[in-house]
Full PDB file with SEQRES, HELIX, SHEET, SSBOND, CRYST1, ORIGX, SCALE, CONECT and MASTER records, all heavy atoms in Angstrom:
SEQRES   1 A   37  LEU ILE VAL VAL ASP ASN THR MET MET SER PRO TYR LEU          
SEQRES   2 A   37  GLN ARG PRO LEU GLU PHE GLY ALA ASP ILE VAL ILE HIS          
SEQRES   3 A   37  SER GLY THR LYS TYR LEU SER GLY HIS HIS ASP                  
HELIX    1 AA1 SER A   10  LEU A   13  1                                   4    
HELIX    2 AA2 PRO A   16  PHE A   19  5                                   4    
HELIX    3 AA3 GLY A   28  SER A   33  3                                   6    
SHEET    1 AA1 2 VAL A   3  ASP A   5  0                                        
SHEET    2 AA1 2 ILE A  23  ILE A  25  1                                        
CRYST1    1.000    1.000    1.000  90.00  90.00  90.00 P 1           1          
ORIGX1      1.000000  0.000000  0.000000        0.00000                         
ORIGX2      0.000000  1.000000  0.000000        0.00000                         
ORIGX3      0.000000  0.000000  1.000000        0.00000                         
SCALE1      1.000000  0.000000  0.000000        0.00000                         
SCALE2      0.000000  1.000000  0.000000        0.00000                         
SCALE3      0.000000  0.000000  1.000000        0.00000                         
ATOM      1  N   LEU A   1       8.527   9.462  28.435  1.00  0.00           N  
ATOM      2  CA  LEU A   1       7.864   8.816  27.356  1.00  0.00           C  
ATOM      3  C   LEU A   1       8.861   8.415  26.219  1.00  0.00           C  
ATOM      4  O   LEU A   1       9.814   9.169  25.898  1.00  0.00           O  
ATOM      5  CB  LEU A   1       6.865   9.750  26.676  1.00  0.00           C  
ATOM      6  CG  LEU A   1       5.660  10.248  27.526  1.00  0.00           C  
ATOM      7  CD1 LEU A   1       4.976  11.378  26.822  1.00  0.00           C  
ATOM      8  CD2 LEU A   1       4.822   9.126  27.904  1.00  0.00           C  
ATOM      9  N   ILE A   2       8.736   7.153  25.784  1.00  0.00           N  
ATOM     10  CA  ILE A   2       9.605   6.651  24.753  1.00  0.00           C  
ATOM     11  C   ILE A   2       8.915   6.924  23.401  1.00  0.00           C  
ATOM     12  O   ILE A   2       7.802   6.590  23.180  1.00  0.00           O  
ATOM     13  CB  ILE A   2       9.670   5.090  24.849  1.00  0.00           C  
ATOM     14  CG1 ILE A   2      10.102   4.616  26.251  1.00  0.00           C  
ATOM     15  CG2 ILE A   2      10.696   4.562  23.773  1.00  0.00           C  
ATOM     16  CD1 ILE A   2      11.501   5.150  26.684  1.00  0.00           C  
ATOM     17  N   VAL A   3       9.622   7.650  22.518  1.00  0.00           N  
ATOM     18  CA  VAL A   3       9.098   8.050  21.272  1.00  0.00           C  
ATOM     19  C   VAL A   3      10.010   7.447  20.235  1.00  0.00           C  
ATOM     20  O   VAL A   3      11.249   7.505  20.240  1.00  0.00           O  
ATOM     21  CB  VAL A   3       9.166   9.649  21.102  1.00  0.00           C  
ATOM     22  CG1 VAL A   3       8.661  10.047  19.745  1.00  0.00           C  
ATOM     23  CG2 VAL A   3       8.426  10.280  22.248  1.00  0.00           C  
ATOM     24  N   VAL A   4       9.409   6.756  19.279  1.00  0.00           N  
ATOM     25  CA  VAL A   4      10.142   6.182  18.164  1.00  0.00           C  
ATOM     26  C   VAL A   4       9.722   6.688  16.862  1.00  0.00           C  
ATOM     27  O   VAL A   4       8.625   6.596  16.474  1.00  0.00           O  
ATOM     28  CB  VAL A   4       9.958   4.613  18.191  1.00  0.00           C  
ATOM     29  CG1 VAL A   4      10.720   3.911  17.045  1.00  0.00           C  
ATOM     30  CG2 VAL A   4      10.367   4.015  19.571  1.00  0.00           C  
ATOM     31  N   ASP A   5      10.688   7.288  16.133  1.00  0.00           N  
ATOM     32  CA  ASP A   5      10.505   7.637  14.735  1.00  0.00           C  
ATOM     33  C   ASP A   5      10.693   6.315  13.937  1.00  0.00           C  
ATOM     34  O   ASP A   5      11.809   5.856  13.757  1.00  0.00           O  
ATOM     35  CB  ASP A   5      11.509   8.732  14.352  1.00  0.00           C  
ATOM     36  CG  ASP A   5      11.209   9.186  12.922  1.00  0.00           C  
ATOM     37  OD1 ASP A   5      10.710   8.420  12.086  1.00  0.00           O  
ATOM     38  OD2 ASP A   5      11.734  10.260  12.553  1.00  0.00           O  
ATOM     39  N   ASN A   6       9.546   5.913  13.437  1.00  0.00           N  
ATOM     40  CA  ASN A   6       9.539   4.580  12.801  1.00  0.00           C  
ATOM     41  C   ASN A   6       9.463   4.714  11.210  1.00  0.00           C  
ATOM     42  O   ASN A   6       9.086   3.822  10.527  1.00  0.00           O  
ATOM     43  CB  ASN A   6       8.345   3.775  13.219  1.00  0.00           C  
ATOM     44  CG  ASN A   6       8.421   2.323  12.964  1.00  0.00           C  
ATOM     45  OD1 ASN A   6       9.449   1.672  13.067  1.00  0.00           O  
ATOM     46  ND2 ASN A   6       7.346   1.738  12.413  1.00  0.00           N  
ATOM     47  N   THR A   7       9.839   5.908  10.756  1.00  0.00           N  
ATOM     48  CA  THR A   7       9.747   6.207   9.362  1.00  0.00           C  
ATOM     49  C   THR A   7      10.464   5.209   8.484  1.00  0.00           C  
ATOM     50  O   THR A   7       9.907   4.746   7.440  1.00  0.00           O  
ATOM     51  CB  THR A   7      10.375   7.628   9.071  1.00  0.00           C  
ATOM     52  OG1 THR A   7       9.490   8.577   9.760  1.00  0.00           O  
ATOM     53  CG2 THR A   7      10.319   7.916   7.549  1.00  0.00           C  
ATOM     54  N   MET A   8      11.653   4.793   8.874  1.00  0.00           N  
ATOM     55  CA  MET A   8      12.409   3.899   8.001  1.00  0.00           C  
ATOM     56  C   MET A   8      11.811   2.478   7.922  1.00  0.00           C  
ATOM     57  O   MET A   8      12.118   1.848   6.899  1.00  0.00           O  
ATOM     58  CB  MET A   8      13.884   3.797   8.559  1.00  0.00           C  
ATOM     59  CG  MET A   8      14.634   5.150   8.464  1.00  0.00           C  
ATOM     60  SD  MET A   8      14.916   5.834   6.848  1.00  0.00           S  
ATOM     61  CE  MET A   8      16.231   4.730   6.322  1.00  0.00           C  
ATOM     62  N   MET A   9      11.124   2.058   8.872  1.00  0.00           N  
ATOM     63  CA  MET A   9      10.512   0.722   8.833  1.00  0.00           C  
ATOM     64  C   MET A   9       9.048   0.712   8.348  1.00  0.00           C  
ATOM     65  O   MET A   9       8.623  -0.273   7.820  1.00  0.00           O  
ATOM     66  CB  MET A   9      10.571   0.064  10.216  1.00  0.00           C  
ATOM     67  CG  MET A   9      11.988  -0.295  10.701  1.00  0.00           C  
ATOM     68  SD  MET A   9      12.752  -1.484   9.566  1.00  0.00           S  
ATOM     69  CE  MET A   9      12.001  -3.021  10.209  1.00  0.00           C  
ATOM     70  N   SER A  10       8.307   1.744   8.690  1.00  0.00           N  
ATOM     71  CA  SER A  10       6.877   1.788   8.342  1.00  0.00           C  
ATOM     72  C   SER A  10       6.138   0.922   9.321  1.00  0.00           C  
ATOM     73  O   SER A  10       6.732   0.000   9.863  1.00  0.00           O  
ATOM     74  CB  SER A  10       6.587   1.471   6.889  1.00  0.00           C  
ATOM     75  OG  SER A  10       6.371   0.096   6.718  1.00  0.00           O  
ATOM     76  N   PRO A  11       4.805   1.110   9.518  1.00  0.00           N  
ATOM     77  CA  PRO A  11       4.062   0.314  10.382  1.00  0.00           C  
ATOM     78  C   PRO A  11       3.880  -1.114   9.860  1.00  0.00           C  
ATOM     79  O   PRO A  11       3.504  -2.064  10.571  1.00  0.00           O  
ATOM     80  CB  PRO A  11       2.728   1.018  10.555  1.00  0.00           C  
ATOM     81  CG  PRO A  11       2.714   2.000   9.449  1.00  0.00           C  
ATOM     82  CD  PRO A  11       4.057   2.226   9.047  1.00  0.00           C  
ATOM     83  N   TYR A  12       4.184  -1.261   8.597  1.00  0.00           N  
ATOM     84  CA  TYR A  12       4.079  -2.661   8.026  1.00  0.00           C  
ATOM     85  C   TYR A  12       5.137  -3.573   8.559  1.00  0.00           C  
ATOM     86  O   TYR A  12       4.948  -4.795   8.801  1.00  0.00           O  
ATOM     87  CB  TYR A  12       4.088  -2.586   6.518  1.00  0.00           C  
ATOM     88  CG  TYR A  12       3.950  -3.941   5.838  1.00  0.00           C  
ATOM     89  CD1 TYR A  12       2.695  -4.482   5.743  1.00  0.00           C  
ATOM     90  CD2 TYR A  12       5.001  -4.567   5.232  1.00  0.00           C  
ATOM     91  CE1 TYR A  12       2.471  -5.707   5.108  1.00  0.00           C  
ATOM     92  CE2 TYR A  12       4.818  -5.760   4.636  1.00  0.00           C  
ATOM     93  CZ  TYR A  12       3.576  -6.352   4.652  1.00  0.00           C  
ATOM     94  OH  TYR A  12       3.358  -7.548   3.885  1.00  0.00           O  
ATOM     95  N   LEU A  13       6.382  -3.085   8.807  1.00  0.00           N  
ATOM     96  CA  LEU A  13       7.476  -3.886   9.159  1.00  0.00           C  
ATOM     97  C   LEU A  13       7.842  -3.784  10.711  1.00  0.00           C  
ATOM     98  O   LEU A  13       8.636  -4.659  11.141  1.00  0.00           O  
ATOM     99  CB  LEU A  13       8.720  -3.497   8.367  1.00  0.00           C  
ATOM    100  CG  LEU A  13       8.577  -3.698   6.815  1.00  0.00           C  
ATOM    101  CD1 LEU A  13       9.780  -3.079   6.097  1.00  0.00           C  
ATOM    102  CD2 LEU A  13       8.436  -5.205   6.543  1.00  0.00           C  
ATOM    103  N   GLN A  14       7.383  -2.782  11.338  1.00  0.00           N  
ATOM    104  CA  GLN A  14       7.738  -2.673  12.790  1.00  0.00           C  
ATOM    105  C   GLN A  14       6.684  -1.854  13.513  1.00  0.00           C  
ATOM    106  O   GLN A  14       6.209  -0.860  12.992  1.00  0.00           O  
ATOM    107  CB  GLN A  14       9.108  -1.951  12.962  1.00  0.00           C  
ATOM    108  CG  GLN A  14       9.511  -1.802  14.436  1.00  0.00           C  
ATOM    109  CD  GLN A  14      10.879  -1.240  14.521  1.00  0.00           C  
ATOM    110  OE1 GLN A  14      11.784  -1.993  14.737  1.00  0.00           O  
ATOM    111  NE2 GLN A  14      11.119   0.045  14.368  1.00  0.00           N  
ATOM    112  N   ARG A  15       6.279  -2.350  14.683  1.00  0.00           N  
ATOM    113  CA  ARG A  15       5.212  -1.717  15.470  1.00  0.00           C  
ATOM    114  C   ARG A  15       5.808  -1.368  16.886  1.00  0.00           C  
ATOM    115  O   ARG A  15       5.653  -2.117  17.823  1.00  0.00           O  
ATOM    116  CB  ARG A  15       3.984  -2.536  15.534  1.00  0.00           C  
ATOM    117  CG  ARG A  15       3.281  -2.684  14.229  1.00  0.00           C  
ATOM    118  CD  ARG A  15       2.143  -3.667  14.311  1.00  0.00           C  
ATOM    119  NE  ARG A  15       1.576  -3.890  13.013  1.00  0.00           N  
ATOM    120  CZ  ARG A  15       2.012  -4.893  12.135  1.00  0.00           C  
ATOM    121  NH1 ARG A  15       2.992  -5.729  12.517  1.00  0.00           N  
ATOM    122  NH2 ARG A  15       1.442  -5.042  10.985  1.00  0.00           N  
ATOM    123  N   PRO A  16       6.536  -0.251  17.006  1.00  0.00           N  
ATOM    124  CA  PRO A  16       7.135   0.112  18.220  1.00  0.00           C  
ATOM    125  C   PRO A  16       6.249   0.130  19.540  1.00  0.00           C  
ATOM    126  O   PRO A  16       6.736  -0.106  20.608  1.00  0.00           O  
ATOM    127  CB  PRO A  16       7.802   1.445  18.081  1.00  0.00           C  
ATOM    128  CG  PRO A  16       7.955   1.509  16.579  1.00  0.00           C  
ATOM    129  CD  PRO A  16       6.796   0.753  16.004  1.00  0.00           C  
ATOM    130  N   LEU A  17       4.967   0.445  19.337  1.00  0.00           N  
ATOM    131  CA  LEU A  17       4.086   0.473  20.460  1.00  0.00           C  
ATOM    132  C   LEU A  17       4.023  -0.965  21.112  1.00  0.00           C  
ATOM    133  O   LEU A  17       3.841  -1.111  22.326  1.00  0.00           O  
ATOM    134  CB  LEU A  17       2.659   0.944  20.120  1.00  0.00           C  
ATOM    135  CG  LEU A  17       2.585   2.427  19.633  1.00  0.00           C  
ATOM    136  CD1 LEU A  17       1.104   2.745  19.266  1.00  0.00           C  
ATOM    137  CD2 LEU A  17       3.117   3.382  20.628  1.00  0.00           C  
ATOM    138  N   GLU A  18       4.138  -1.971  20.312  1.00  0.00           N  
ATOM    139  CA  GLU A  18       4.121  -3.317  20.829  1.00  0.00           C  
ATOM    140  C   GLU A  18       5.440  -3.722  21.558  1.00  0.00           C  
ATOM    141  O   GLU A  18       5.522  -4.713  22.219  1.00  0.00           O  
ATOM    142  CB  GLU A  18       3.851  -4.368  19.679  1.00  0.00           C  
ATOM    143  CG  GLU A  18       2.497  -4.091  19.042  1.00  0.00           C  
ATOM    144  CD  GLU A  18       2.190  -5.044  17.837  1.00  0.00           C  
ATOM    145  OE1 GLU A  18       3.128  -5.879  17.503  1.00  0.00           O  
ATOM    146  OE2 GLU A  18       1.169  -4.845  17.194  1.00  0.00           O  
ATOM    147  N   PHE A  19       6.449  -2.872  21.399  1.00  0.00           N  
ATOM    148  CA  PHE A  19       7.754  -3.078  22.065  1.00  0.00           C  
ATOM    149  C   PHE A  19       7.967  -2.317  23.295  1.00  0.00           C  
ATOM    150  O   PHE A  19       9.042  -2.228  23.797  1.00  0.00           O  
ATOM    151  CB  PHE A  19       8.890  -2.917  21.037  1.00  0.00           C  
ATOM    152  CG  PHE A  19       8.896  -3.779  19.856  1.00  0.00           C  
ATOM    153  CD1 PHE A  19       9.188  -3.308  18.557  1.00  0.00           C  
ATOM    154  CD2 PHE A  19       8.576  -5.126  19.920  1.00  0.00           C  
ATOM    155  CE1 PHE A  19       9.184  -4.111  17.491  1.00  0.00           C  
ATOM    156  CE2 PHE A  19       8.538  -5.937  18.820  1.00  0.00           C  
ATOM    157  CZ  PHE A  19       8.852  -5.423  17.590  1.00  0.00           C  
ATOM    158  N   GLY A  20       6.951  -1.530  23.651  1.00  0.00           N  
ATOM    159  CA  GLY A  20       7.148  -0.737  24.865  1.00  0.00           C  
ATOM    160  C   GLY A  20       7.206   0.832  24.705  1.00  0.00           C  
ATOM    161  O   GLY A  20       7.184   1.600  25.541  1.00  0.00           O  
ATOM    162  N   ALA A  21       7.155   1.243  23.401  1.00  0.00           N  
ATOM    163  CA  ALA A  21       7.120   2.622  23.109  1.00  0.00           C  
ATOM    164  C   ALA A  21       5.804   3.243  23.509  1.00  0.00           C  
ATOM    165  O   ALA A  21       4.844   2.577  23.466  1.00  0.00           O  
ATOM    166  CB  ALA A  21       7.459   2.935  21.608  1.00  0.00           C  
ATOM    167  N   ASP A  22       5.886   4.505  23.857  1.00  0.00           N  
ATOM    168  CA  ASP A  22       4.641   5.197  24.171  1.00  0.00           C  
ATOM    169  C   ASP A  22       4.063   5.974  23.022  1.00  0.00           C  
ATOM    170  O   ASP A  22       2.834   6.200  22.963  1.00  0.00           O  
ATOM    171  CB  ASP A  22       4.875   6.272  25.335  1.00  0.00           C  
ATOM    172  CG  ASP A  22       5.404   5.519  26.600  1.00  0.00           C  
ATOM    173  OD1 ASP A  22       4.679   4.711  27.188  1.00  0.00           O  
ATOM    174  OD2 ASP A  22       6.656   5.735  26.959  1.00  0.00           O  
ATOM    175  N   ILE A  23       4.930   6.424  22.115  1.00  0.00           N  
ATOM    176  CA  ILE A  23       4.498   7.208  21.018  1.00  0.00           C  
ATOM    177  C   ILE A  23       5.304   6.745  19.783  1.00  0.00           C  
ATOM    178  O   ILE A  23       6.522   6.446  19.968  1.00  0.00           O  
ATOM    179  CB  ILE A  23       4.762   8.723  21.258  1.00  0.00           C  
ATOM    180  CG1 ILE A  23       3.978   9.206  22.395  1.00  0.00           C  
ATOM    181  CG2 ILE A  23       4.414   9.584  19.980  1.00  0.00           C  
ATOM    182  CD1 ILE A  23       4.334  10.645  22.845  1.00  0.00           C  
ATOM    183  N   VAL A  24       4.697   6.671  18.666  1.00  0.00           N  
ATOM    184  CA  VAL A  24       5.439   6.362  17.399  1.00  0.00           C  
ATOM    185  C   VAL A  24       5.055   7.411  16.364  1.00  0.00           C  
ATOM    186  O   VAL A  24       3.909   7.907  16.378  1.00  0.00           O  
ATOM    187  CB  VAL A  24       5.052   4.945  16.906  1.00  0.00           C  
ATOM    188  CG1 VAL A  24       3.613   4.772  16.545  1.00  0.00           C  
ATOM    189  CG2 VAL A  24       5.989   4.568  15.754  1.00  0.00           C  
ATOM    190  N   ILE A  25       6.083   7.890  15.661  1.00  0.00           N  
ATOM    191  CA  ILE A  25       5.780   8.813  14.541  1.00  0.00           C  
ATOM    192  C   ILE A  25       6.363   8.283  13.291  1.00  0.00           C  
ATOM    193  O   ILE A  25       7.237   7.413  13.281  1.00  0.00           O  
ATOM    194  CB  ILE A  25       6.438  10.247  14.960  1.00  0.00           C  
ATOM    195  CG1 ILE A  25       7.965  10.081  15.085  1.00  0.00           C  
ATOM    196  CG2 ILE A  25       5.741  10.862  16.157  1.00  0.00           C  
ATOM    197  CD1 ILE A  25       8.666  11.432  15.356  1.00  0.00           C  
ATOM    198  N   HIS A  26       5.731   8.731  12.229  1.00  0.00           N  
ATOM    199  CA  HIS A  26       6.080   8.294  10.876  1.00  0.00           C  
ATOM    200  C   HIS A  26       6.061   9.544   9.932  1.00  0.00           C  
ATOM    201  O   HIS A  26       5.170  10.379  10.151  1.00  0.00           O  
ATOM    202  CB  HIS A  26       5.096   7.302  10.254  1.00  0.00           C  
ATOM    203  CG  HIS A  26       4.946   6.085  10.945  1.00  0.00           C  
ATOM    204  ND1 HIS A  26       5.753   4.990  10.846  1.00  0.00           N  
ATOM    205  CD2 HIS A  26       4.004   5.696  11.972  1.00  0.00           C  
ATOM    206  CE1 HIS A  26       5.323   4.017  11.676  1.00  0.00           C  
ATOM    207  NE2 HIS A  26       4.266   4.436  12.407  1.00  0.00           N  
ATOM    208  N   SER A  27       6.964   9.622   9.065  1.00  0.00           N  
ATOM    209  CA  SER A  27       6.906  10.601   7.995  1.00  0.00           C  
ATOM    210  C   SER A  27       6.032  10.045   6.863  1.00  0.00           C  
ATOM    211  O   SER A  27       6.463   9.081   6.232  1.00  0.00           O  
ATOM    212  CB  SER A  27       8.225  11.012   7.500  1.00  0.00           C  
ATOM    213  OG  SER A  27       8.049  11.740   6.317  1.00  0.00           O  
ATOM    214  N   GLY A  28       4.830  10.551   6.758  1.00  0.00           N  
ATOM    215  CA  GLY A  28       3.956  10.114   5.686  1.00  0.00           C  
ATOM    216  C   GLY A  28       4.503  10.558   4.304  1.00  0.00           C  
ATOM    217  O   GLY A  28       4.192  10.014   3.268  1.00  0.00           O  
ATOM    218  N   THR A  29       5.359  11.603   4.395  1.00  0.00           N  
ATOM    219  CA  THR A  29       5.975  12.036   3.084  1.00  0.00           C  
ATOM    220  C   THR A  29       6.851  11.071   2.449  1.00  0.00           C  
ATOM    221  O   THR A  29       6.886  10.987   1.252  1.00  0.00           O  
ATOM    222  CB  THR A  29       6.699  13.415   3.329  1.00  0.00           C  
ATOM    223  OG1 THR A  29       5.865  14.250   4.148  1.00  0.00           O  
ATOM    224  CG2 THR A  29       7.139  14.040   2.127  1.00  0.00           C  
ATOM    225  N   LYS A  30       7.621  10.371   3.253  1.00  0.00           N  
ATOM    226  CA  LYS A  30       8.606   9.388   2.672  1.00  0.00           C  
ATOM    227  C   LYS A  30       7.985   8.132   2.264  1.00  0.00           C  
ATOM    228  O   LYS A  30       7.413   8.012   1.161  1.00  0.00           O  
ATOM    229  CB  LYS A  30       9.690   9.209   3.757  1.00  0.00           C  
ATOM    230  CG  LYS A  30      10.631  10.334   4.017  1.00  0.00           C  
ATOM    231  CD  LYS A  30      11.624  10.022   4.996  1.00  0.00           C  
ATOM    232  CE  LYS A  30      12.589  11.236   5.226  1.00  0.00           C  
ATOM    233  NZ  LYS A  30      13.543  10.950   6.251  1.00  0.00           N  
ATOM    234  N   TYR A  31       8.015   7.073   3.158  1.00  0.00           N  
ATOM    235  CA  TYR A  31       7.669   5.820   2.743  1.00  0.00           C  
ATOM    236  C   TYR A  31       6.182   5.487   2.653  1.00  0.00           C  
ATOM    237  O   TYR A  31       5.771   4.638   1.805  1.00  0.00           O  
ATOM    238  CB  TYR A  31       8.247   4.787   3.711  1.00  0.00           C  
ATOM    239  CG  TYR A  31       9.816   4.789   3.658  1.00  0.00           C  
ATOM    240  CD1 TYR A  31      10.566   5.351   4.537  1.00  0.00           C  
ATOM    241  CD2 TYR A  31      10.455   4.314   2.467  1.00  0.00           C  
ATOM    242  CE1 TYR A  31      12.004   5.388   4.519  1.00  0.00           C  
ATOM    243  CE2 TYR A  31      11.786   4.341   2.363  1.00  0.00           C  
ATOM    244  CZ  TYR A  31      12.485   4.870   3.413  1.00  0.00           C  
ATOM    245  OH  TYR A  31      13.881   4.940   3.305  1.00  0.00           O  
ATOM    246  N   LEU A  32       5.365   6.165   3.406  1.00  0.00           N  
ATOM    247  CA  LEU A  32       3.945   5.884   3.309  1.00  0.00           C  
ATOM    248  C   LEU A  32       3.308   6.422   2.041  1.00  0.00           C  
ATOM    249  O   LEU A  32       2.508   5.879   1.450  1.00  0.00           O  
ATOM    250  CB  LEU A  32       3.214   6.382   4.480  1.00  0.00           C  
ATOM    251  CG  LEU A  32       3.652   5.810   5.829  1.00  0.00           C  
ATOM    252  CD1 LEU A  32       2.872   6.331   6.996  1.00  0.00           C  
ATOM    253  CD2 LEU A  32       3.451   4.249   5.829  1.00  0.00           C  
ATOM    254  N   SER A  33       3.894   7.511   1.518  1.00  0.00           N  
ATOM    255  CA  SER A  33       3.449   8.107   0.207  1.00  0.00           C  
ATOM    256  C   SER A  33       4.363   7.506  -0.861  1.00  0.00           C  
ATOM    257  O   SER A  33       3.826   7.002  -1.863  1.00  0.00           O  
ATOM    258  CB  SER A  33       3.473   9.597   0.220  1.00  0.00           C  
ATOM    259  OG  SER A  33       3.270  10.104  -1.017  1.00  0.00           O  
ATOM    260  N   GLY A  34       5.568   7.741  -0.674  1.00  0.00           N  
ATOM    261  CA  GLY A  34       6.584   7.243  -1.707  1.00  0.00           C  
ATOM    262  C   GLY A  34       6.817   8.103  -2.841  1.00  0.00           C  
ATOM    263  O   GLY A  34       7.835   8.036  -3.561  1.00  0.00           O  
ATOM    264  N   HIS A  35       5.940   9.024  -3.114  1.00  0.00           N  
ATOM    265  CA  HIS A  35       6.101   9.891  -4.341  1.00  0.00           C  
ATOM    266  C   HIS A  35       6.230  11.346  -3.999  1.00  0.00           C  
ATOM    267  O   HIS A  35       6.276  12.157  -4.854  1.00  0.00           O  
ATOM    268  CB  HIS A  35       4.875   9.683  -5.271  1.00  0.00           C  
ATOM    269  CG  HIS A  35       4.717   8.257  -5.725  1.00  0.00           C  
ATOM    270  ND1 HIS A  35       5.520   7.694  -6.710  1.00  0.00           N  
ATOM    271  CD2 HIS A  35       3.824   7.374  -5.397  1.00  0.00           C  
ATOM    272  CE1 HIS A  35       5.147   6.523  -6.841  1.00  0.00           C  
ATOM    273  NE2 HIS A  35       4.057   6.256  -6.124  1.00  0.00           N  
ATOM    274  N   HIS A  36       6.343  11.623  -2.687  1.00  0.00           N  
ATOM    275  CA  HIS A  36       6.455  13.052  -2.214  1.00  0.00           C  
ATOM    276  C   HIS A  36       5.315  13.906  -2.765  1.00  0.00           C  
ATOM    277  O   HIS A  36       5.495  15.020  -3.022  1.00  0.00           O  
ATOM    278  CB  HIS A  36       7.753  13.614  -2.667  1.00  0.00           C  
ATOM    279  CG  HIS A  36       8.895  12.879  -2.005  1.00  0.00           C  
ATOM    280  ND1 HIS A  36       9.169  12.924  -0.653  1.00  0.00           N  
ATOM    281  CD2 HIS A  36       9.853  12.070  -2.538  1.00  0.00           C  
ATOM    282  CE1 HIS A  36      10.218  12.174  -0.368  1.00  0.00           C  
ATOM    283  NE2 HIS A  36      10.677  11.603  -1.537  1.00  0.00           N  
ATOM    284  N   ASP A  37       4.127  13.236  -2.996  1.00  0.00           N  
ATOM    285  CA  ASP A  37       2.986  14.046  -3.414  1.00  0.00           C  
ATOM    286  C   ASP A  37       2.046  14.419  -2.216  1.00  0.00           C  
ATOM    287  O   ASP A  37       0.960  14.907  -2.401  1.00  0.00           O  
ATOM    288  CB  ASP A  37       2.209  13.265  -4.452  1.00  0.00           C  
ATOM    289  CG  ASP A  37       1.822  11.894  -3.984  1.00  0.00           C  
ATOM    290  OD1 ASP A  37       2.147  11.506  -2.893  1.00  0.00           O  
ATOM    291  OD2 ASP A  37       1.122  11.234  -4.837  1.00  0.00           O  
TER     292      ASP A  37                                                      
MASTER        0    0    0    3    2    0    0    6  291    1    0    3          
END                                                                             
């Protein structure tokens, strides 16, 4: 399985599943929240 940690790009800027990845993960703590709340 191809797993891509897409935290640095966010799903807004890159969608690895569309490039052949099987699993994508994101840290919601970093860019999706932005305030570490």
